C-alpha atoms as a PDB file:
ATOM      1  CA  MET A   1     125.426  76.675 105.349  1.00  0.00           C
ATOM      2  CA  LYS A   2     125.977  77.320 109.038  1.00  0.00           C
ATOM      3  CA  ALA A   3     127.639  80.270 110.768  1.00  0.00           C
ATOM      4  CA  ARG A   4     131.434  80.168 110.520  1.00  0.00           C
ATOM      5  CA  MET A   5     134.390  81.893 112.095  1.00  0.00           C
ATOM      6  CA  LYS A   6     136.422  84.192 109.846  1.00  0.00           C
ATOM      7  CA  PHE A   7     139.571  82.102 110.296  1.00  0.00           C
ATOM      8  CA  GLU A   8     137.701  79.003 109.036  1.00  0.00           C
ATOM      9  CA  LEU A   9     136.661  80.820 105.880  1.00  0.00           C
ATOM     10  CA  ALA A  10     140.190  82.162 105.358  1.00  0.00           C
ATOM     11  CA  LEU A  11     141.649  78.655 105.665  1.00  0.00           C
ATOM     12  CA  ALA A  12     139.085  77.184 103.273  1.00  0.00           C
ATOM     13  CA  ALA A  13     139.849  79.956 100.765  1.00  0.00           C
ATOM     14  CA  GLY A  14     143.609  79.436 101.090  1.00  0.00           C
ATOM     15  CA  MET A  15     144.159  83.001 102.333  1.00  0.00           C
ATOM     16  CA  SER A  16     145.954  84.459 105.295  1.00  0.00           C
ATOM     17  CA  ASP A  17     143.810  86.119 107.965  1.00  0.00           C
ATOM     18  CA  ARG A  18     145.094  89.516 106.887  1.00  0.00           C
ATOM     19  CA  THR A  19     144.280  88.989 103.198  1.00  0.00           C
ATOM     20  CA  PHE A  20     140.840  87.688 104.133  1.00  0.00           C
ATOM     21  CA  SER A  21     140.224  90.736 106.341  1.00  0.00           C
ATOM     22  CA  ARG A  22     141.123  92.976 103.411  1.00  0.00           C
ATOM     23  CA  TRP A  23     138.730  91.064 101.183  1.00  0.00           C
ATOM     24  CA  ILE A  24     135.989  91.460 103.806  1.00  0.00           C
ATOM     25  CA  GLN A  25     136.660  95.237 103.920  1.00  0.00           C
ATOM     26  CA  SER A  26     136.337  95.504 100.138  1.00  0.00           C
ATOM     27  CA  HIS A  27     132.908  93.793 100.351  1.00  0.00           C
ATOM     28  CA  ARG A  28     131.699  95.476 103.543  1.00  0.00           C
ATOM     29  CA  GLU A  29     128.560  97.079 102.049  1.00  0.00           C
ATOM     30  CA  ALA A  30     127.178  93.762 100.789  1.00  0.00           C
ATOM     31  CA  LEU A  31     128.162  92.000 104.016  1.00  0.00           C
ATOM     32  CA  LYS A  32     126.571  94.704 106.156  1.00  0.00           C
ATOM     33  CA  GLN A  33     123.233  93.896 104.512  1.00  0.00           C
ATOM     34  CA  LEU A  34     123.820  90.234 105.378  1.00  0.00           C
ATOM     35  CA  GLY A  35     124.337  90.820 109.090  1.00  0.00           C
ATOM     36  CA  VAL A  36     128.051  91.615 109.444  1.00  0.00           C
ATOM     37  CA  VAL A  37     127.909  94.694 111.661  1.00  0.00           C
ATOM     38  CA  SER A  38     131.556  95.144 112.639  1.00  0.00           C
ATOM     39  CA  LYS A  39     134.943  94.427 111.121  1.00  0.00           C
ATOM     40  CA  LYS A  40     135.904  92.905 114.488  1.00  0.00           C
ATOM     41  CA  GLN A  41     133.023  90.430 114.333  1.00  0.00           C
ATOM     42  CA  LYS A  42     134.594  86.957 114.350  1.00  0.00           C
ATOM     43  CA  LEU A  43     131.522  84.799 113.739  1.00  0.00           C
ATOM     44  CA  LEU A  44     129.759  85.409 110.425  1.00  0.00           C
ATOM     45  CA  PRO A  45     126.050  84.613 110.138  1.00  0.00           C
ATOM     46  CA  PRO A  46     124.894  81.917 107.691  1.00  0.00           C
ATOM     47  CA  ARG A  47     123.732  84.366 104.994  1.00  0.00           C
ATOM     48  CA  ALA A  48     127.119  86.115 105.040  1.00  0.00           C
ATOM     49  CA  VAL A  49     128.904  82.743 104.919  1.00  0.00           C
ATOM     50  CA  ASP A  50     126.857  81.793 101.834  1.00  0.00           C
ATOM     51  CA  TYR A  51     127.870  85.062 100.146  1.00  0.00           C
ATOM     52  CA  VAL A  52     131.577  84.640 100.985  1.00  0.00           C
ATOM     53  CA  CYS A  53     131.587  81.022  99.833  1.00  0.00           C
ATOM     54  CA  TYR A  54     129.886  81.913  96.568  1.00  0.00           C
ATOM     55  CA  GLU A  55     132.246  84.817  95.849  1.00  0.00           C
ATOM     56  CA  LEU A  56     135.415  82.886  96.739  1.00  0.00           C
ATOM     57  CA  GLY A  57     134.378  79.510  95.331  1.00  0.00           C
ATOM     58  CA  ILE A  58     134.457  77.713  98.685  1.00  0.00           C
ATOM     59  CA  HIS A  59     132.533  74.443  98.970  1.00  0.00           C
ATOM     60  CA  GLU A  60     131.375  72.593 102.080  1.00  0.00           C
ATOM     61  CA  GLU A  61     134.053  69.930 101.614  1.00  0.00           C
ATOM     62  CA  ASP A  62     136.750  72.655 101.707  1.00  0.00           C
ATOM     63  CA  PHE A  63     136.167  73.024 105.456  1.00  0.00           C
ATOM     64  CA  TRP A  64     138.053  70.775 107.844  1.00  0.00           C
ATOM     65  CA  LYS A  65     135.865  68.671 110.033  1.00  0.00           C
END
């Protein structure tokens, strides 16, 4: 999967930006190992996107084109 913006992942998961940010905070240790260095980082690297999609059950077709 390619790099994605946080708001894209939140939309695909059916969450508000705030709820998604809270979810990110609760998984910050795992995401830090995958290249997410700051909670203000808006663009998540592909490995982090794969992790988020797996954990939240997001599929490629859930993203708007």
